[in-house]
Amino acid sequence: MKLRFSHPPLSSFSLASLTDIVLLLLVFFLLASTYVIQPGIKVELPSSETAQVVDQKSIIITITRDGAVWVGDEKTTLDGVGALLRRQIISGTAQTIVIKADRTVSLETAVKVIDRIKAAGGERFLIATVREEP
């Protein structure tokens, strides 16, 4: 028994549906990539009611829970902060310095870092916080 088709078989393939799927995947990956966690040194910032967003052109100094000090992505000692800061301030990459200290870091350690910032020529510095939830 031979089957008869009312429509002849297609000799070409339409790519319209394939391009729709590719575009949807592209949009999905673009949207999903905005939710990627920022890499860096993990610290628990103190909370504040007046926290504001700062531009990305700042020099970031991170003080971790165990007292390690990072200038950008370079680990240094408390005494080495000044030399690294002077190098970045002279190059003119950024003038605002953001201090990201863990909430358990002592006030004395934070003040020592601020002293090193001022000695290196840093005039503007901010202390990073997270906004309190009401």
N, C-alpha and C. Protein backbone atom coordinates (compact mmCIF):
# COMPACT_ATOMS: atom_id res chain seq x y z
N MET A 1 0.83 -1.16 0.00
CA MET A 1 0.00 0.00 0.00
C MET A 1 0.89 1.24 0.00
N LYS A 2 0.67 2.08 -0.95
CA LYS A 2 1.46 3.29 -1.10
C LYS A 2 0.65 4.47 -0.58
N LEU A 3 1.32 5.26 0.34
CA LEU A 3 0.66 6.42 0.91
C LEU A 3 0.82 7.61 -0.01
N ARG A 4 -0.23 8.38 -0.12
CA ARG A 4 -0.17 9.58 -0.94
C ARG A 4 -0.31 10.79 -0.03
N PHE A 5 0.58 11.75 -0.23
CA PHE A 5 0.56 12.97 0.55
C PHE A 5 -0.11 14.07 -0.26
N SER A 6 -0.88 14.88 0.44
CA SER A 6 -1.56 15.96 -0.26
C SER A 6 -0.61 17.13 -0.54
N HIS A 7 0.44 17.24 0.29
CA HIS A 7 1.43 18.29 0.10
C HIS A 7 2.78 17.66 -0.23
N PRO A 8 3.49 18.22 -1.16
CA PRO A 8 4.81 17.67 -1.47
C PRO A 8 5.79 17.97 -0.33
N PRO A 9 6.80 17.15 -0.09
CA PRO A 9 7.77 17.40 0.98
C PRO A 9 8.57 18.69 0.71
N LEU A 10 8.95 19.35 1.80
CA LEU A 10 9.71 20.59 1.68
C LEU A 10 11.14 20.27 1.24
N SER A 11 11.62 21.04 0.32
CA SER A 11 12.99 20.83 -0.14
C SER A 11 13.97 21.78 0.55
N SER A 12 13.45 22.76 1.32
CA SER A 12 14.32 23.68 2.04
C SER A 12 13.86 23.79 3.49
N PHE A 13 14.77 24.27 4.34
CA PHE A 13 14.49 24.39 5.77
C PHE A 13 14.44 25.87 6.13
N SER A 14 13.44 26.29 6.85
CA SER A 14 13.31 27.69 7.26
C SER A 14 14.10 27.92 8.54
N LEU A 15 14.98 28.90 8.52
CA LEU A 15 15.81 29.21 9.67
C LEU A 15 15.19 30.25 10.61
N ALA A 16 13.98 30.69 10.32
CA ALA A 16 13.36 31.74 11.13
C ALA A 16 13.15 31.29 12.57
N SER A 17 12.69 30.10 12.77
CA SER A 17 12.45 29.63 14.13
C SER A 17 13.77 29.42 14.88
N LEU A 18 14.81 29.01 14.20
CA LEU A 18 16.11 28.81 14.83
C LEU A 18 16.72 30.14 15.25
N THR A 19 16.56 31.17 14.45
CA THR A 19 17.09 32.48 14.83
C THR A 19 16.32 33.06 16.01
N ASP A 20 15.04 32.80 16.12
CA ASP A 20 14.26 33.24 17.28
C ASP A 20 14.80 32.61 18.55
N ILE A 21 15.09 31.33 18.50
CA ILE A 21 15.61 30.63 19.68
C ILE A 21 16.98 31.17 20.06
N VAL A 22 17.83 31.41 19.09
CA VAL A 22 19.17 31.93 19.37
C VAL A 22 19.07 33.33 19.99
N LEU A 23 18.20 34.17 19.48
CA LEU A 23 18.02 35.51 20.05
C LEU A 23 17.49 35.44 21.47
N LEU A 24 16.56 34.55 21.74
CA LEU A 24 16.05 34.40 23.10
C LEU A 24 17.14 33.93 24.06
N LEU A 25 17.98 33.00 23.61
CA LEU A 25 19.10 32.55 24.45
C LEU A 25 20.08 33.69 24.70
N LEU A 26 20.34 34.50 23.70
CA LEU A 26 21.25 35.63 23.85
C LEU A 26 20.71 36.62 24.88
N VAL A 27 19.43 36.94 24.81
CA VAL A 27 18.82 37.85 25.78
C VAL A 27 18.88 37.25 27.18
N PHE A 28 18.62 35.97 27.30
CA PHE A 28 18.66 35.31 28.61
C PHE A 28 20.05 35.40 29.22
N PHE A 29 21.09 35.11 28.44
CA PHE A 29 22.44 35.15 28.99
C PHE A 29 22.89 36.57 29.30
N LEU A 30 22.45 37.54 28.52
CA LEU A 30 22.79 38.93 28.83
C LEU A 30 22.15 39.37 30.13
N LEU A 31 20.90 39.00 30.35
CA LEU A 31 20.23 39.36 31.59
C LEU A 31 20.81 38.60 32.78
N ALA A 32 21.13 37.35 32.59
CA ALA A 32 21.66 36.54 33.69
C ALA A 32 23.07 36.98 34.08
N SER A 33 23.82 37.53 33.15
CA SER A 33 25.19 37.93 33.46
C SER A 33 25.24 39.17 34.34
N THR A 34 24.17 39.95 34.41
CA THR A 34 24.16 41.13 35.27
C THR A 34 24.01 40.76 36.73
N TYR A 35 23.61 39.53 37.02
CA TYR A 35 23.43 39.10 38.40
C TYR A 35 24.60 38.29 38.92
N VAL A 36 25.73 38.33 38.23
CA VAL A 36 26.91 37.61 38.68
C VAL A 36 27.49 38.34 39.89
N ILE A 37 27.89 37.61 40.89
CA ILE A 37 28.45 38.20 42.11
C ILE A 37 29.80 38.81 41.79
N GLN A 38 30.03 40.00 42.31
CA GLN A 38 31.29 40.69 42.09
C GLN A 38 32.44 39.94 42.76
N PRO A 39 33.51 39.71 42.04
CA PRO A 39 34.64 39.05 42.67
C PRO A 39 35.37 40.00 43.61
N GLY A 40 36.07 39.46 44.56
CA GLY A 40 36.84 40.30 45.47
C GLY A 40 37.03 39.63 46.81
N ILE A 41 37.48 40.41 47.75
CA ILE A 41 37.74 39.91 49.09
C ILE A 41 36.45 39.99 49.88
N LYS A 42 36.11 38.90 50.55
CA LYS A 42 34.84 38.83 51.26
C LYS A 42 34.95 39.49 52.63
N VAL A 43 34.14 40.51 52.86
CA VAL A 43 34.05 41.18 54.15
C VAL A 43 32.58 41.45 54.46
N GLU A 44 32.27 41.48 55.73
CA GLU A 44 30.93 41.85 56.19
C GLU A 44 30.95 43.31 56.56
N LEU A 45 30.34 44.14 55.74
CA LEU A 45 30.37 45.58 55.98
C LEU A 45 29.38 45.97 57.06
N PRO A 46 29.68 47.02 57.83
CA PRO A 46 28.71 47.52 58.80
C PRO A 46 27.52 48.15 58.08
N SER A 47 26.39 48.23 58.77
CA SER A 47 25.20 48.80 58.13
C SER A 47 25.04 50.27 58.48
N SER A 48 24.35 50.99 57.60
CA SER A 48 24.13 52.42 57.77
C SER A 48 22.82 52.80 57.11
N GLU A 49 22.14 53.82 57.64
CA GLU A 49 20.90 54.28 57.04
C GLU A 49 21.16 55.18 55.84
N THR A 50 22.34 55.78 55.74
CA THR A 50 22.62 56.75 54.68
C THR A 50 23.64 56.24 53.67
N ALA A 51 23.70 54.94 53.46
CA ALA A 51 24.66 54.37 52.50
C ALA A 51 24.34 54.85 51.09
N GLN A 52 25.40 55.17 50.32
CA GLN A 52 25.25 55.65 48.95
C GLN A 52 26.13 54.82 48.02
N VAL A 53 25.82 54.87 46.74
CA VAL A 53 26.60 54.16 45.73
C VAL A 53 27.77 55.03 45.30
N VAL A 54 28.96 54.41 45.16
CA VAL A 54 30.17 55.13 44.77
C VAL A 54 30.60 54.63 43.41
N ASP A 55 31.21 55.51 42.61
CA ASP A 55 31.68 55.10 41.28
C ASP A 55 32.81 54.09 41.38
N GLN A 56 33.05 53.38 40.29
CA GLN A 56 34.03 52.30 40.27
C GLN A 56 35.46 52.78 40.08
N LYS A 57 35.70 54.09 39.92
CA LYS A 57 37.04 54.58 39.68
C LYS A 57 37.78 54.88 40.98
N SER A 58 37.33 54.35 42.08
CA SER A 58 37.94 54.60 43.37
C SER A 58 39.01 53.56 43.67
N ILE A 59 39.96 53.94 44.53
CA ILE A 59 40.93 52.99 45.06
C ILE A 59 40.27 52.32 46.25
N ILE A 60 40.24 51.00 46.27
CA ILE A 60 39.56 50.28 47.34
C ILE A 60 40.60 49.63 48.24
N ILE A 61 40.50 49.95 49.54
CA ILE A 61 41.35 49.32 50.55
C ILE A 61 40.44 48.43 51.38
N THR A 62 40.77 47.15 51.47
CA THR A 62 39.96 46.19 52.20
C THR A 62 40.71 45.70 53.42
N ILE A 63 40.03 45.69 54.55
CA ILE A 63 40.59 45.15 55.79
C ILE A 63 39.71 43.97 56.18
N THR A 64 40.30 42.77 56.20
CA THR A 64 39.53 41.57 56.48
C THR A 64 39.42 41.32 57.98
N ARG A 65 38.62 40.32 58.31
CA ARG A 65 38.37 39.96 59.71
C ARG A 65 39.65 39.61 60.45
N ASP A 66 40.58 38.95 59.76
CA ASP A 66 41.83 38.54 60.40
C ASP A 66 42.92 39.62 60.37
N GLY A 67 42.59 40.82 59.89
CA GLY A 67 43.52 41.94 59.92
C GLY A 67 44.37 42.10 58.68
N ALA A 68 44.14 41.29 57.66
CA ALA A 68 44.89 41.43 56.41
C ALA A 68 44.41 42.68 55.67
N VAL A 69 45.35 43.38 55.04
CA VAL A 69 45.04 44.62 54.33
C VAL A 69 45.30 44.42 52.84
N TRP A 70 44.34 44.81 52.02
CA TRP A 70 44.44 44.69 50.57
C TRP A 70 44.26 46.08 49.97
N VAL A 71 45.12 46.46 49.05
CA VAL A 71 44.95 47.69 48.27
C VAL A 71 44.62 47.24 46.86
N GLY A 72 43.37 47.40 46.49
CA GLY A 72 42.89 46.85 45.22
C GLY A 72 42.88 45.34 45.33
N ASP A 73 43.65 44.68 44.49
CA ASP A 73 43.75 43.22 44.56
C ASP A 73 45.14 42.76 45.02
N GLU A 74 45.92 43.69 45.58
CA GLU A 74 47.25 43.35 46.09
C GLU A 74 47.24 43.28 47.61
N LYS A 75 47.66 42.15 48.15
CA LYS A 75 47.74 42.00 49.60
C LYS A 75 49.01 42.67 50.09
N THR A 76 48.90 43.40 51.18
CA THR A 76 50.05 44.12 51.73
C THR A 76 49.96 44.16 53.25
N THR A 77 50.98 44.70 53.86
CA THR A 77 50.97 44.90 55.30
C THR A 77 50.46 46.30 55.60
N LEU A 78 50.29 46.59 56.86
CA LEU A 78 49.83 47.91 57.26
C LEU A 78 50.84 48.98 56.86
N ASP A 79 52.12 48.64 56.95
CA ASP A 79 53.16 49.59 56.57
C ASP A 79 53.29 49.74 55.05
N GLY A 80 52.89 48.73 54.29
CA GLY A 80 52.99 48.78 52.83
C GLY A 80 51.85 49.52 52.16
N VAL A 81 50.84 49.90 52.92
CA VAL A 81 49.68 50.59 52.34
C VAL A 81 50.11 51.92 51.72
N GLY A 82 50.96 52.66 52.42
CA GLY A 82 51.38 53.97 51.94
C GLY A 82 52.08 53.92 50.59
N ALA A 83 52.98 52.97 50.42
CA ALA A 83 53.73 52.87 49.15
C ALA A 83 52.80 52.53 47.99
N LEU A 84 51.90 51.58 48.20
CA LEU A 84 50.97 51.23 47.12
C LEU A 84 50.04 52.38 46.79
N LEU A 85 49.59 53.09 47.81
CA LEU A 85 48.69 54.23 47.57
C LEU A 85 49.40 55.36 46.83
N ARG A 86 50.62 55.67 47.23
CA ARG A 86 51.36 56.72 46.55
C ARG A 86 51.51 56.42 45.07
N ARG A 87 51.80 55.16 44.76
CA ARG A 87 51.96 54.75 43.37
C ARG A 87 50.67 54.96 42.58
N GLN A 88 49.52 54.63 43.19
CA GLN A 88 48.24 54.79 42.48
C GLN A 88 47.78 56.24 42.43
N ILE A 89 48.08 57.01 43.47
CA ILE A 89 47.68 58.42 43.47
C ILE A 89 48.50 59.21 42.47
N ILE A 90 49.79 58.91 42.37
CA ILE A 90 50.66 59.61 41.42
C ILE A 90 50.25 59.30 39.99
N SER A 91 49.87 58.05 39.73
CA SER A 91 49.47 57.68 38.37
C SER A 91 48.15 58.33 37.98
N GLY A 92 47.41 58.83 38.96
CA GLY A 92 46.18 59.57 38.67
C GLY A 92 45.00 58.70 38.30
N THR A 93 45.03 57.42 38.65
CA THR A 93 43.92 56.55 38.28
C THR A 93 42.65 56.91 39.04
N ALA A 94 42.76 57.25 40.30
CA ALA A 94 41.58 57.62 41.10
C ALA A 94 42.03 58.42 42.30
N GLN A 95 41.22 59.33 42.74
CA GLN A 95 41.57 60.15 43.88
C GLN A 95 40.75 59.82 45.12
N THR A 96 39.59 59.22 44.98
CA THR A 96 38.76 58.85 46.13
C THR A 96 39.18 57.46 46.59
N ILE A 97 39.35 57.30 47.89
CA ILE A 97 39.77 56.03 48.46
C ILE A 97 38.62 55.49 49.30
N VAL A 98 38.22 54.24 49.04
CA VAL A 98 37.12 53.61 49.77
C VAL A 98 37.70 52.56 50.69
N ILE A 99 37.37 52.66 51.98
CA ILE A 99 37.84 51.69 52.97
C ILE A 99 36.71 50.71 53.21
N LYS A 100 36.96 49.44 52.85
CA LYS A 100 35.99 48.37 53.10
C LYS A 100 36.52 47.52 54.24
N ALA A 101 36.08 47.83 55.44
CA ALA A 101 36.55 47.11 56.62
C ALA A 101 35.45 46.19 57.12
N ASP A 102 35.83 44.99 57.52
CA ASP A 102 34.87 44.05 58.11
C ASP A 102 34.31 44.66 59.38
N ARG A 103 33.07 44.33 59.70
CA ARG A 103 32.44 44.94 60.88
C ARG A 103 33.10 44.54 62.19
N THR A 104 33.92 43.48 62.19
CA THR A 104 34.58 43.05 63.41
C THR A 104 35.98 43.65 63.57
N VAL A 105 36.45 44.43 62.58
CA VAL A 105 37.77 45.05 62.66
C VAL A 105 37.74 46.13 63.73
N SER A 106 38.82 46.19 64.53
CA SER A 106 38.86 47.18 65.60
C SER A 106 39.00 48.59 65.04
N LEU A 107 38.54 49.54 65.81
CA LEU A 107 38.64 50.94 65.41
C LEU A 107 40.09 51.37 65.29
N GLU A 108 40.95 50.82 66.12
CA GLU A 108 42.37 51.16 66.08
C GLU A 108 42.99 50.79 64.73
N THR A 109 42.64 49.62 64.21
CA THR A 109 43.18 49.20 62.91
C THR A 109 42.68 50.12 61.80
N ALA A 110 41.41 50.49 61.85
CA ALA A 110 40.86 51.39 60.84
C ALA A 110 41.53 52.76 60.90
N VAL A 111 41.79 53.26 62.09
CA VAL A 111 42.45 54.56 62.24
C VAL A 111 43.88 54.50 61.73
N LYS A 112 44.57 53.39 61.96
CA LYS A 112 45.93 53.25 61.43
C LYS A 112 45.94 53.29 59.90
N VAL A 113 44.95 52.64 59.29
CA VAL A 113 44.86 52.66 57.82
C VAL A 113 44.56 54.08 57.34
N ILE A 114 43.68 54.79 58.03
CA ILE A 114 43.37 56.17 57.66
C ILE A 114 44.61 57.05 57.78
N ASP A 115 45.42 56.83 58.82
CA ASP A 115 46.68 57.57 58.95
C ASP A 115 47.60 57.31 57.77
N ARG A 116 47.70 56.05 57.33
CA ARG A 116 48.55 55.71 56.18
C ARG A 116 48.03 56.37 54.91
N ILE A 117 46.70 56.45 54.79
CA ILE A 117 46.11 57.10 53.61
C ILE A 117 46.49 58.57 53.58
N LYS A 118 46.35 59.25 54.70
CA LYS A 118 46.69 60.68 54.76
C LYS A 118 48.18 60.91 54.53
N ALA A 119 49.03 60.03 55.07
CA ALA A 119 50.48 60.17 54.89
C ALA A 119 50.87 59.95 53.43
N ALA A 120 50.11 59.13 52.70
CA ALA A 120 50.41 58.85 51.30
C ALA A 120 49.89 59.95 50.37
N GLY A 121 49.14 60.90 50.92
CA GLY A 121 48.64 62.00 50.09
C GLY A 121 47.18 61.87 49.72
N GLY A 122 46.50 60.90 50.27
CA GLY A 122 45.07 60.75 50.00
C GLY A 122 44.27 61.81 50.74
N GLU A 123 43.46 62.55 50.01
CA GLU A 123 42.69 63.63 50.62
C GLU A 123 41.24 63.25 50.87
N ARG A 124 40.68 62.45 49.97
CA ARG A 124 39.28 62.05 50.12
C ARG A 124 39.20 60.55 50.34
N PHE A 125 38.55 60.16 51.42
CA PHE A 125 38.33 58.74 51.65
C PHE A 125 36.94 58.54 52.21
N LEU A 126 36.38 57.38 51.92
CA LEU A 126 35.05 57.01 52.37
C LEU A 126 35.13 55.66 53.08
N ILE A 127 34.20 55.41 53.97
CA ILE A 127 34.10 54.11 54.63
C ILE A 127 32.88 53.41 54.06
N ALA A 128 33.07 52.23 53.50
CA ALA A 128 31.99 51.50 52.83
C ALA A 128 31.05 50.88 53.87
N THR A 129 29.76 50.98 53.60
CA THR A 129 28.73 50.38 54.43
C THR A 129 27.66 49.78 53.53
N VAL A 130 26.75 49.03 54.12
CA VAL A 130 25.58 48.54 53.40
C VAL A 130 24.34 49.21 53.99
N ARG A 131 23.33 49.41 53.17
CA ARG A 131 22.12 50.07 53.61
C ARG A 131 21.32 49.17 54.54
N GLU A 132 20.86 49.75 55.65
CA GLU A 132 20.03 49.02 56.60
C GLU A 132 18.66 48.78 55.99
N GLU A 133 18.14 47.61 56.21
CA GLU A 133 16.78 47.31 55.77
C GLU A 133 15.79 47.81 56.83
N PRO A 134 14.74 48.52 56.42
CA PRO A 134 13.80 49.04 57.41
C PRO A 134 12.95 47.97 58.06
